Amino acid sequence: MSGLSLRALHLLGWAGLLGALAPATAAAHGVQGRAETPIPISAFFWAAAVVLVVSFVGLAVGWSQPRLTGDSWRRAPRWLEAFALSPVTIWCARALVLAGFGLVWVAAAFGSTRLGGNLAPLVVFVVWWVGLVPLSVVFGNVWREVNPWSTIARLARMPERRPERPVPRWMGVWPAAAVLLAFGWFELVYPTPAEPRLLAILIGVYTLATLGAMWRWGVRTWLDHGEAFSVYTGLLALLSPVEVRESEDDGARRLGFRAPFLAVTRLRPQPGMVAMIAVLVATVTYDGLSASDFWERRDVAASERLIDIGLTDFQAGVLIGTFGLLGSLAVFVVGYELCSSASGRLAHWRHTTLGRMAAAFVHALVPIAFAYFVAHYFTLFVFQSQDLIRLASDPLGQGTDLFGTADSQINFELVSAETIWAVQVAAIVIGHVLALAFAHDRALELGRSHREAILSQAPMLLLMVALTVAGLWSLSAGMAA
């Protein structure tokens, strides 16, 4: 690949990173009006598909050698490294996060149960869950450093690792994927996820389970395998220009910078990794789908049939939502597994089992997961996080006004619907173009010739086009609804 082409890929990476800071939207959770575009919405689907096809042709013609396996990491200035990695800095940050964690639990357990009158649901589902995305993509794996459960475990002097108690080889990140799916189900399917008392119970249960696992296998071991939100932010942190490295000789940690997005090529395949990323993509996809008229019509019809056979309205809603979420996950996993396997078969690679090929290209899914989060959720953060100003003065919903901001209102005019739609389209297209580039580069590593690598990528192109059109349709359907 020419130097110009490589620079173009770097520019795409920076564009994607800047997209994390731009005001995108939440189709189902966020706030958005109908965008008045100068051309029909369906034209964007065709344009996005054409962009992917042209990108595929460009990669085939101008990229004949693997280029993304190099290491662009450069050490940060010593003063910055000394400040950022100082034990004082790290433990102050851990103390602040732990205090915030305690406040959220107290608010959930003892605060108001009025809708919008309690701090906990806003922090859990907006400030924390969505806010972890830009935090990780811009600043690296900060959450792993300040994770309140690991802070509690370290204060209790639990071991960092237990070599005498290794995790089973099959485990991989399956526990993290399962917890993330459960969290997505609770947020998107369960009818009352923002009920504070229920949140307090679930936070308590997850805390006890996590601390028990950290005691059993070690703090760092469980952060690697089972603490869902550390595994999740660790994946997103691969897109960040910031990286902390640990010396193999003396264990010293060093802060440095690298080209954004390219570190995903170093993602280590392990059991459950495909499922982990698939959960991230599928939950966001279902979130957009569930807000569309297409889904609403079918949801109502199915609910009526289930109620006719004896289910309650609550049971019918949960059953249909669960089916939709798991169906979205199954469609994505099956589509990806089949396309990755077809890639190996077209290129006549040996050992082209589903698992092997899926693991080989799994890193290409990370920018897609990030793009979906940007496109679906970032306006949710931009708009709804403003309510934190009001709730900070009255976190328990008891009528206090600690900082004089209890009457603060959300400004819903920060971003127009047209700008939101433009950012959504850009995020989806850039994410899938980057995924094509990463898959193509990996194919060049695996293939015995340039032609063989190109042949292998035809199924991936079809998958990326299908995902792009599906993603844009989901967004436009939610916007229309």
Protein backbone atom coordinates (compact mmCIF):
# COMPACT_ATOMS: atom_id res chain seq x y z
CA MET A 1 0.00 0.00 0.00
CA SER A 2 1.35 3.46 -0.86
CA GLY A 3 2.28 6.03 1.79
CA LEU A 4 -0.61 8.17 0.55
CA SER A 5 -3.07 5.33 1.13
CA LEU A 6 -1.73 4.72 4.61
CA ARG A 7 -2.03 8.43 5.43
CA ALA A 8 -5.61 8.30 4.18
CA LEU A 9 -6.34 5.44 6.59
CA HIS A 10 -4.81 7.45 9.44
CA LEU A 11 -7.05 10.36 8.51
CA LEU A 12 -10.06 8.03 8.60
CA GLY A 13 -8.99 6.96 12.07
CA TRP A 14 -8.77 10.56 13.29
CA ALA A 15 -12.13 11.30 11.64
CA GLY A 16 -13.70 8.43 13.54
CA LEU A 17 -12.12 9.64 16.79
CA LEU A 18 -13.47 13.15 16.23
CA GLY A 19 -16.84 11.58 15.53
CA ALA A 20 -16.84 10.43 19.14
CA LEU A 21 -16.74 14.04 20.21
CA ALA A 22 -19.40 15.21 17.77
CA PRO A 23 -23.11 15.30 18.62
CA ALA A 24 -24.55 12.06 17.31
CA THR A 25 -27.86 10.61 18.47
CA ALA A 26 -29.82 7.90 20.18
CA ALA A 27 -32.53 6.62 17.92
CA ALA A 28 -34.45 4.91 20.66
CA HIS A 29 -33.14 6.55 23.82
CA GLY A 30 -32.12 9.92 22.51
CA VAL A 31 -33.95 12.99 21.32
CA GLN A 32 -34.31 13.68 17.62
CA GLY A 33 -36.83 15.17 15.25
CA ARG A 34 -37.47 14.31 11.63
CA ALA A 35 -34.53 15.43 9.48
CA GLU A 36 -35.50 17.41 6.40
CA THR A 37 -32.84 16.24 3.95
CA PRO A 38 -32.57 17.57 0.37
CA ILE A 39 -32.68 14.02 -1.02
CA PRO A 40 -34.75 10.99 0.05
CA ILE A 41 -33.45 9.08 3.08
CA SER A 42 -33.27 5.91 0.97
CA ALA A 43 -30.69 7.59 -1.25
CA PHE A 44 -28.29 7.58 1.69
CA PHE A 45 -28.51 3.77 1.79
CA TRP A 46 -27.40 3.52 -1.84
CA ALA A 47 -24.70 6.14 -1.40
CA ALA A 48 -23.29 4.34 1.65
CA ALA A 49 -23.27 1.02 -0.21
CA VAL A 50 -21.45 2.65 -3.14
CA VAL A 51 -18.86 4.13 -0.78
CA LEU A 52 -18.14 0.67 0.62
CA VAL A 53 -17.85 -0.91 -2.84
CA VAL A 54 -15.52 1.88 -4.01
CA SER A 55 -13.47 1.45 -0.82
CA PHE A 56 -13.23 -2.29 -1.47
CA VAL A 57 -12.00 -1.65 -5.03
CA GLY A 58 -9.50 0.91 -3.74
CA LEU A 59 -8.17 -1.55 -1.18
CA ALA A 60 -7.91 -4.29 -3.81
CA VAL A 61 -5.99 -2.08 -6.23
CA GLY A 62 -3.77 -0.03 -3.91
CA TRP A 63 -3.14 -2.23 -0.87
CA SER A 64 -1.14 -5.34 -1.66
CA GLN A 65 0.93 -5.81 1.52
CA PRO A 66 -0.11 -5.88 5.20
CA ARG A 67 0.58 -2.44 6.66
CA LEU A 68 -1.19 -2.32 10.00
CA THR A 69 0.96 -4.66 12.05
CA GLY A 70 3.61 -2.05 12.84
CA ASP A 71 3.92 -0.25 16.15
CA SER A 72 3.54 3.55 16.11
CA TRP A 73 3.63 3.97 19.91
CA ARG A 74 5.73 6.87 21.19
CA ARG A 75 6.43 7.57 24.83
CA ALA A 76 4.75 10.65 26.33
CA PRO A 77 6.73 13.52 27.88
CA ARG A 78 8.15 12.44 31.22
CA TRP A 79 6.35 15.15 33.21
CA LEU A 80 2.99 14.06 31.79
CA GLU A 81 3.76 10.39 32.42
CA ALA A 82 4.88 11.12 35.99
CA PHE A 83 1.65 13.00 36.74
CA ALA A 84 -0.79 10.61 35.01
CA LEU A 85 0.73 7.41 36.43
CA SER A 86 1.55 8.75 39.88
CA PRO A 87 0.05 6.61 42.66
CA VAL A 88 -1.32 9.83 44.18
CA THR A 89 -3.15 10.73 40.96
CA ILE A 90 -4.49 7.23 40.46
CA TRP A 91 -5.69 6.76 44.03
CA CYS A 92 -7.32 10.21 44.11
CA ALA A 93 -9.22 9.27 40.95
CA ARG A 94 -10.17 5.89 42.45
CA ALA A 95 -11.40 7.58 45.63
CA LEU A 96 -13.56 10.02 43.65
CA VAL A 97 -15.09 7.25 41.54
CA LEU A 98 -15.68 5.08 44.61
CA ALA A 99 -17.39 8.00 46.35
CA GLY A 100 -19.57 8.56 43.29
CA PHE A 101 -20.38 4.86 43.19
CA GLY A 102 -21.44 4.98 46.83
CA LEU A 103 -23.61 8.06 46.21
CA VAL A 104 -25.37 6.36 43.30
CA TRP A 105 -26.12 3.27 45.39
CA VAL A 106 -27.41 5.38 48.31
CA ALA A 107 -29.62 7.37 45.92
CA ALA A 108 -30.97 4.14 44.40
CA ALA A 109 -31.55 2.50 47.78
CA PHE A 110 -32.97 5.44 49.75
CA GLY A 111 -33.81 8.25 47.32
CA SER A 112 -37.04 9.23 45.63
CA THR A 113 -38.81 6.74 43.40
CA ARG A 114 -40.45 9.48 41.31
CA LEU A 115 -39.65 9.41 37.59
CA GLY A 116 -36.80 11.84 37.00
CA GLY A 117 -36.43 12.51 40.71
CA ASN A 118 -33.48 10.22 41.43
CA LEU A 119 -29.85 10.55 40.41
CA ALA A 120 -29.12 6.83 40.08
CA PRO A 121 -30.91 5.88 36.81
CA LEU A 122 -29.43 8.88 34.96
CA VAL A 123 -25.90 8.08 36.10
CA VAL A 124 -26.16 4.35 35.38
CA PHE A 125 -27.81 4.45 31.95
CA VAL A 126 -26.50 7.75 30.56
CA VAL A 127 -23.49 9.29 32.32
CA TRP A 128 -21.76 5.97 33.02
CA TRP A 129 -22.91 3.46 30.39
CA VAL A 130 -22.77 5.87 27.43
CA GLY A 131 -20.07 8.12 28.87
CA LEU A 132 -17.62 5.22 29.08
CA VAL A 133 -17.48 5.19 25.27
CA PRO A 134 -15.88 8.61 24.60
CA LEU A 135 -13.83 8.29 27.80
CA SER A 136 -12.26 5.03 26.60
CA VAL A 137 -11.84 6.00 22.94
CA VAL A 138 -10.20 9.33 23.74
CA PHE A 139 -8.19 8.63 26.91
CA GLY A 140 -7.64 4.87 26.80
CA ASN A 141 -8.63 2.25 29.36
CA VAL A 142 -9.20 4.68 32.22
CA TRP A 143 -12.12 2.68 33.61
CA ARG A 144 -9.89 -0.29 34.37
CA GLU A 145 -7.74 1.97 36.55
CA VAL A 146 -10.60 3.55 38.53
CA ASN A 147 -13.08 0.66 38.55
CA PRO A 148 -14.78 0.88 41.98
CA TRP A 149 -15.01 -2.90 42.40
CA SER A 150 -11.26 -3.32 41.87
CA THR A 151 -10.66 -0.40 44.25
CA ILE A 152 -12.69 -2.16 46.97
CA ALA A 153 -10.85 -5.41 46.27
CA ARG A 154 -7.46 -3.69 46.54
CA LEU A 155 -8.43 -1.92 49.74
CA ALA A 156 -9.39 -5.38 51.05
CA ARG A 157 -5.89 -6.55 49.97
CA MET A 158 -7.11 -9.17 47.56
CA PRO A 159 -4.29 -10.54 45.34
CA GLU A 160 -3.81 -9.12 41.86
CA ARG A 161 -3.44 -12.62 40.41
CA ARG A 162 -3.57 -16.17 41.75
CA PRO A 163 -1.22 -18.32 39.66
CA GLU A 164 -2.26 -21.35 41.69
CA ARG A 165 -5.89 -20.75 40.62
CA PRO A 166 -5.87 -20.13 36.87
CA VAL A 167 -9.18 -19.51 35.14
CA PRO A 168 -10.36 -22.40 32.92
CA ARG A 169 -9.03 -22.15 29.37
CA TRP A 170 -12.52 -22.24 27.91
CA MET A 171 -13.64 -19.23 29.94
CA GLY A 172 -12.04 -16.47 27.86
CA VAL A 173 -14.38 -13.46 28.10
CA TRP A 174 -17.60 -15.50 28.16
CA PRO A 175 -18.55 -14.24 31.67
CA ALA A 176 -18.18 -10.62 30.52
CA ALA A 177 -20.24 -11.28 27.38
CA ALA A 178 -23.00 -12.90 29.46
CA VAL A 179 -23.12 -10.00 31.93
CA LEU A 180 -23.17 -7.45 29.11
CA LEU A 181 -26.06 -9.27 27.44
CA ALA A 182 -27.93 -9.34 30.76
CA PHE A 183 -27.33 -5.60 31.20
CA GLY A 184 -28.61 -4.94 27.66
CA TRP A 185 -31.69 -7.08 28.33
CA PHE A 186 -32.40 -5.23 31.56
CA GLU A 187 -32.01 -1.83 29.93
CA LEU A 188 -33.90 -2.52 26.68
CA VAL A 189 -36.40 -5.29 27.46
CA TYR A 190 -37.36 -5.12 31.12
CA PRO A 191 -40.28 -2.67 31.44
CA THR A 192 -39.00 -0.70 34.47
CA PRO A 193 -35.18 -0.69 34.43
CA ALA A 194 -35.00 2.79 36.01
CA GLU A 195 -36.80 1.69 39.21
CA PRO A 196 -34.30 2.86 41.88
CA ARG A 197 -34.83 0.10 44.44
CA LEU A 198 -34.35 -2.59 41.82
CA LEU A 199 -31.19 -0.84 40.64
CA ALA A 200 -29.86 -0.82 44.20
CA ILE A 201 -30.46 -4.58 44.53
CA LEU A 202 -28.78 -5.37 41.20
CA ILE A 203 -25.80 -3.13 41.96
CA GLY A 204 -25.39 -4.89 45.30
CA VAL A 205 -25.64 -8.37 43.75
CA TYR A 206 -23.14 -7.52 41.00
CA THR A 207 -20.76 -6.03 43.56
CA LEU A 208 -20.79 -9.16 45.72
CA ALA A 209 -20.39 -11.46 42.70
CA THR A 210 -17.51 -9.40 41.30
CA LEU A 211 -15.67 -9.19 44.60
CA GLY A 212 -16.12 -12.93 45.09
CA ALA A 213 -14.64 -13.64 41.67
CA MET A 214 -11.73 -11.25 42.33
CA TRP A 215 -10.99 -13.05 45.57
CA ARG A 216 -11.18 -16.42 43.80
CA TRP A 217 -9.02 -15.65 40.76
CA GLY A 218 -7.32 -12.33 41.50
CA VAL A 219 -8.25 -8.72 40.75
CA ARG A 220 -6.43 -8.31 37.46
CA THR A 221 -7.42 -11.76 36.25
CA TRP A 222 -11.12 -11.00 36.72
CA LEU A 223 -10.72 -7.58 35.09
CA ASP A 224 -9.33 -9.44 32.06
CA HIS A 225 -12.04 -12.10 31.86
CA GLY A 226 -15.19 -11.41 33.83
CA GLU A 227 -15.74 -7.79 34.86
CA ALA A 228 -17.94 -6.96 31.88
CA PHE A 229 -17.45 -3.22 31.84
CA SER A 230 -13.65 -3.43 32.08
CA VAL A 231 -13.53 -5.92 29.19
CA TYR A 232 -15.91 -3.71 27.20
CA THR A 233 -13.92 -0.52 27.79
CA GLY A 234 -10.71 -2.41 27.09
CA LEU A 235 -12.00 -3.20 23.60
CA LEU A 236 -12.95 0.41 22.95
CA ALA A 237 -9.62 1.59 24.35
CA LEU A 238 -7.90 -0.19 21.44
CA LEU A 239 -9.25 2.67 19.30
CA SER A 240 -7.65 5.30 21.53
CA PRO A 241 -4.45 7.25 20.73
CA VAL A 242 -3.44 6.80 24.39
CA GLU A 243 -1.84 3.61 25.72
CA VAL A 244 -0.10 2.62 28.93
CA ARG A 245 2.47 -0.15 28.55
CA GLU A 246 4.01 -2.28 31.23
CA SER A 247 7.65 -3.32 30.97
CA GLU A 248 8.25 -7.07 30.97
CA ASP A 249 11.59 -6.56 32.70
CA ASP A 250 10.76 -4.48 35.76
CA GLY A 251 6.97 -4.06 35.57
CA ALA A 252 7.32 -0.27 35.23
CA ARG A 253 4.43 1.42 33.43
CA ARG A 254 4.93 3.97 30.66
CA LEU A 255 2.45 6.35 29.07
CA GLY A 256 2.52 6.86 25.31
CA PHE A 257 0.61 7.84 22.19
CA ARG A 258 -0.13 5.97 18.96
CA ALA A 259 -2.19 6.30 15.78
CA PRO A 260 -5.90 6.02 16.68
CA PHE A 261 -7.85 2.86 15.82
CA LEU A 262 -4.87 0.83 14.57
CA ALA A 263 -4.22 -0.99 17.85
CA VAL A 264 -7.27 -3.20 17.21
CA THR A 265 -5.02 -5.31 14.99
CA ARG A 266 -3.32 -6.47 18.21
CA LEU A 267 -6.56 -7.77 19.70
CA ARG A 268 -5.86 -11.22 21.08
CA PRO A 269 -8.51 -13.75 20.01
CA GLN A 270 -9.88 -15.74 22.93
CA PRO A 271 -13.03 -17.71 23.70
CA GLY A 272 -16.10 -15.49 23.80
CA MET A 273 -14.55 -12.50 22.01
CA VAL A 274 -16.85 -12.76 18.99
CA ALA A 275 -19.84 -13.03 21.33
CA MET A 276 -18.64 -10.02 23.33
CA ILE A 277 -18.46 -7.72 20.32
CA ALA A 278 -21.62 -9.20 18.84
CA VAL A 279 -23.51 -8.31 22.04
CA LEU A 280 -22.31 -4.71 21.74
CA VAL A 281 -23.51 -4.45 18.14
CA ALA A 282 -26.74 -6.44 18.55
CA THR A 283 -28.00 -4.59 21.63
CA VAL A 284 -27.61 -1.23 19.91
CA THR A 285 -29.22 -2.62 16.75
CA TYR A 286 -32.21 -3.89 18.69
CA ASP A 287 -32.48 -0.57 20.51
CA GLY A 288 -32.93 1.20 17.17
CA LEU A 289 -35.21 -1.50 15.78
CA SER A 290 -37.51 -1.44 18.81
CA ALA A 291 -38.23 2.28 18.25
CA SER A 292 -39.37 1.82 14.66
CA ASP A 293 -42.93 1.60 13.36
CA PHE A 294 -41.92 -1.69 11.73
CA TRP A 295 -41.29 -3.26 15.12
CA GLU A 296 -44.13 -1.50 16.94
CA ARG A 297 -46.76 -2.92 14.58
CA ARG A 298 -45.44 -6.45 15.00
CA ASP A 299 -44.98 -6.01 18.73
CA VAL A 300 -48.62 -5.01 19.20
CA ALA A 301 -49.91 -7.86 17.03
CA ALA A 302 -47.75 -10.45 18.80
CA SER A 303 -48.69 -9.11 22.23
CA GLU A 304 -52.38 -9.46 21.43
CA ARG A 305 -51.93 -13.08 20.40
CA LEU A 306 -49.92 -13.90 23.53
CA ILE A 307 -52.47 -12.20 25.79
CA ASP A 308 -55.23 -14.19 24.08
CA ILE A 309 -53.53 -17.44 25.15
CA GLY A 310 -53.29 -16.35 28.77
CA LEU A 311 -50.11 -14.29 29.23
CA THR A 312 -50.25 -10.94 31.04
CA ASP A 313 -49.33 -7.74 29.24
CA PHE A 314 -46.07 -7.64 31.26
CA GLN A 315 -45.14 -11.22 30.34
CA ALA A 316 -45.98 -10.71 26.68
CA GLY A 317 -43.85 -7.56 26.47
CA VAL A 318 -40.86 -9.22 28.12
CA LEU A 319 -41.15 -12.33 25.93
CA ILE A 320 -41.35 -10.37 22.68
CA GLY A 321 -38.53 -8.02 23.70
CA THR A 322 -36.33 -10.98 24.66
CA PHE A 323 -37.06 -12.61 21.31
CA GLY A 324 -36.16 -9.38 19.49
CA LEU A 325 -32.90 -8.91 21.39
CA LEU A 326 -31.76 -12.52 21.06
CA GLY A 327 -32.91 -12.58 17.43
CA SER A 328 -30.80 -9.51 16.64
CA LEU A 329 -27.83 -11.18 18.31
CA ALA A 330 -28.37 -14.46 16.45
CA VAL A 331 -28.70 -12.78 13.05
CA PHE A 332 -25.48 -10.84 13.55
CA VAL A 333 -23.48 -13.80 14.88
CA VAL A 334 -24.68 -16.22 12.19
CA GLY A 335 -24.09 -13.67 9.43
CA TYR A 336 -20.58 -12.89 10.63
CA GLU A 337 -19.62 -16.50 11.28
CA LEU A 338 -20.82 -17.62 7.83
CA CYS A 339 -19.15 -14.73 6.00
CA SER A 340 -15.83 -15.20 7.80
CA SER A 341 -15.93 -18.94 7.07
CA ALA A 342 -16.79 -18.26 3.42
CA SER A 343 -13.76 -15.95 3.25
CA GLY A 344 -11.47 -18.80 4.19
CA ARG A 345 -13.10 -21.23 1.79
CA LEU A 346 -12.94 -18.84 -1.18
CA ALA A 347 -9.22 -18.36 -0.55
CA HIS A 348 -8.71 -22.14 -0.03
CA TRP A 349 -7.16 -21.55 3.37
CA ARG A 350 -6.66 -24.61 5.49
CA HIS A 351 -8.48 -25.02 8.81
CA THR A 352 -11.37 -22.81 7.68
CA THR A 353 -13.67 -23.79 10.50
CA LEU A 354 -16.20 -21.23 11.65
CA GLY A 355 -14.43 -20.49 14.90
CA ARG A 356 -10.96 -20.07 13.44
CA MET A 357 -11.96 -17.65 10.69
CA ALA A 358 -14.32 -15.71 12.92
CA ALA A 359 -11.54 -15.22 15.46
CA ALA A 360 -9.08 -14.16 12.75
CA PHE A 361 -11.26 -11.21 11.68
CA VAL A 362 -12.94 -10.35 14.98
CA HIS A 363 -10.84 -7.20 15.46
CA ALA A 364 -12.55 -5.67 12.41
CA LEU A 365 -15.83 -5.62 14.36
CA VAL A 366 -14.55 -3.21 17.02
CA PRO A 367 -14.87 -0.02 14.90
CA ILE A 368 -18.37 -1.17 13.89
CA ALA A 369 -19.38 -1.48 17.54
CA PHE A 370 -17.99 2.00 18.21
CA ALA A 371 -19.73 3.46 15.15
CA TYR A 372 -23.07 2.04 16.29
CA PHE A 373 -22.64 3.58 19.73
CA VAL A 374 -21.78 6.97 18.25
CA ALA A 375 -24.70 6.88 15.83
CA HIS A 376 -27.30 5.65 18.30
CA TYR A 377 -26.35 6.97 21.72
CA PHE A 378 -24.27 10.09 21.75
CA THR A 379 -27.12 12.58 21.65
CA LEU A 380 -28.60 10.72 24.58
CA PHE A 381 -25.42 11.66 26.42
CA VAL A 382 -25.27 15.24 25.09
CA PHE A 383 -28.88 16.02 25.97
CA GLN A 384 -29.80 13.85 28.94
CA SER A 385 -26.51 14.29 30.82
CA GLN A 386 -27.45 17.96 31.19
CA ASP A 387 -30.02 16.80 33.73
CA LEU A 388 -27.10 15.92 36.00
CA ILE A 389 -26.82 19.66 36.75
CA ARG A 390 -30.34 19.64 38.22
CA LEU A 391 -30.00 16.33 40.06
CA ALA A 392 -26.64 17.26 41.57
CA SER A 393 -28.49 19.75 43.76
CA ASP A 394 -31.09 17.17 44.76
CA PRO A 395 -29.56 13.69 44.26
CA LEU A 396 -32.08 11.88 46.48
CA GLY A 397 -35.10 13.75 45.17
CA GLN A 398 -35.99 15.20 48.57
CA GLY A 399 -36.44 18.83 47.49
CA THR A 400 -32.97 20.13 48.36
CA ASP A 401 -31.06 22.69 46.29
CA LEU A 402 -27.44 22.21 47.34
CA PHE A 403 -25.82 24.14 44.47
CA GLY A 404 -28.68 26.37 43.36
CA THR A 405 -29.24 24.36 40.15
CA ALA A 406 -32.44 22.50 41.04
CA ASP A 407 -34.35 24.43 38.36
CA SER A 408 -31.85 23.76 35.56
CA GLN A 409 -33.46 22.69 32.27
CA ILE A 410 -32.21 20.57 29.37
CA ASN A 411 -31.42 22.50 26.18
CA PHE A 412 -32.81 20.38 23.34
CA GLU A 413 -31.77 22.87 20.66
CA LEU A 414 -28.04 22.25 20.84
CA VAL A 415 -28.06 20.20 17.63
CA SER A 416 -30.48 20.12 14.70
CA ALA A 417 -32.03 16.92 13.39
CA GLU A 418 -30.26 17.42 10.04
CA THR A 419 -26.85 17.66 11.71
CA ILE A 420 -27.61 14.59 13.80
CA TRP A 421 -28.54 12.57 10.70
CA ALA A 422 -25.36 13.70 8.90
CA VAL A 423 -23.21 12.60 11.83
CA GLN A 424 -25.06 9.29 12.03
CA VAL A 425 -24.42 8.54 8.37
CA ALA A 426 -20.76 9.54 8.68
CA ALA A 427 -20.25 7.38 11.77
CA ILE A 428 -21.84 4.30 10.22
CA VAL A 429 -19.99 4.62 6.90
CA ILE A 430 -16.57 5.42 8.43
CA GLY A 431 -16.92 2.55 10.91
CA HIS A 432 -17.63 0.01 8.17
CA VAL A 433 -14.91 1.36 5.85
CA LEU A 434 -12.40 0.97 8.68
CA ALA A 435 -13.69 -2.55 9.29
CA LEU A 436 -13.15 -3.37 5.60
CA ALA A 437 -9.61 -2.02 5.80
CA PHE A 438 -8.76 -4.05 8.91
CA ALA A 439 -10.24 -7.23 7.43
CA HIS A 440 -8.37 -6.68 4.15
CA ASP A 441 -5.07 -6.17 5.97
CA ARG A 442 -5.62 -9.35 7.99
CA ALA A 443 -6.44 -11.25 4.78
CA LEU A 444 -3.11 -10.10 3.34
CA GLU A 445 -1.39 -11.53 6.42
CA LEU A 446 -3.17 -14.87 6.08
CA GLY A 447 -3.11 -15.19 2.30
CA ARG A 448 -0.37 -16.56 0.11
CA SER A 449 -0.99 -13.97 -2.61
CA HIS A 450 -2.68 -10.64 -3.19
CA ARG A 451 -5.33 -12.28 -5.40
CA GLU A 452 -6.11 -14.86 -2.72
CA ALA A 453 -6.62 -12.12 -0.13
CA ILE A 454 -8.97 -10.18 -2.43
CA LEU A 455 -11.04 -13.29 -3.13
CA SER A 456 -11.41 -13.89 0.59
CA GLN A 457 -12.87 -10.44 1.18
CA ALA A 458 -15.91 -10.67 -1.13
CA PRO A 459 -18.12 -12.14 1.65
CA MET A 460 -16.88 -9.46 4.05
CA LEU A 461 -17.87 -6.76 1.57
CA LEU A 462 -21.39 -8.21 1.37
CA LEU A 463 -21.56 -8.33 5.18
CA MET A 464 -20.39 -4.71 5.54
CA VAL A 465 -22.86 -3.46 2.95
CA ALA A 466 -25.69 -5.34 4.65
CA LEU A 467 -24.71 -4.03 8.09
CA THR A 468 -24.38 -0.46 6.80
CA VAL A 469 -27.80 -0.46 5.13
CA ALA A 470 -29.38 -2.17 8.15
CA GLY A 471 -27.79 0.35 10.51
CA LEU A 472 -28.94 3.34 8.49
CA TRP A 473 -32.42 1.88 8.10
CA SER A 474 -32.66 1.33 11.84
CA LEU A 475 -31.64 4.93 12.50
CA SER A 476 -34.00 6.38 9.90
CA ALA A 477 -36.89 4.22 11.13
CA GLY A 478 -36.37 5.43 14.69
CA MET A 479 -36.10 9.00 13.47
CA ALA A 480 -39.36 8.71 11.50
CA ALA A 481 -41.12 7.17 14.49
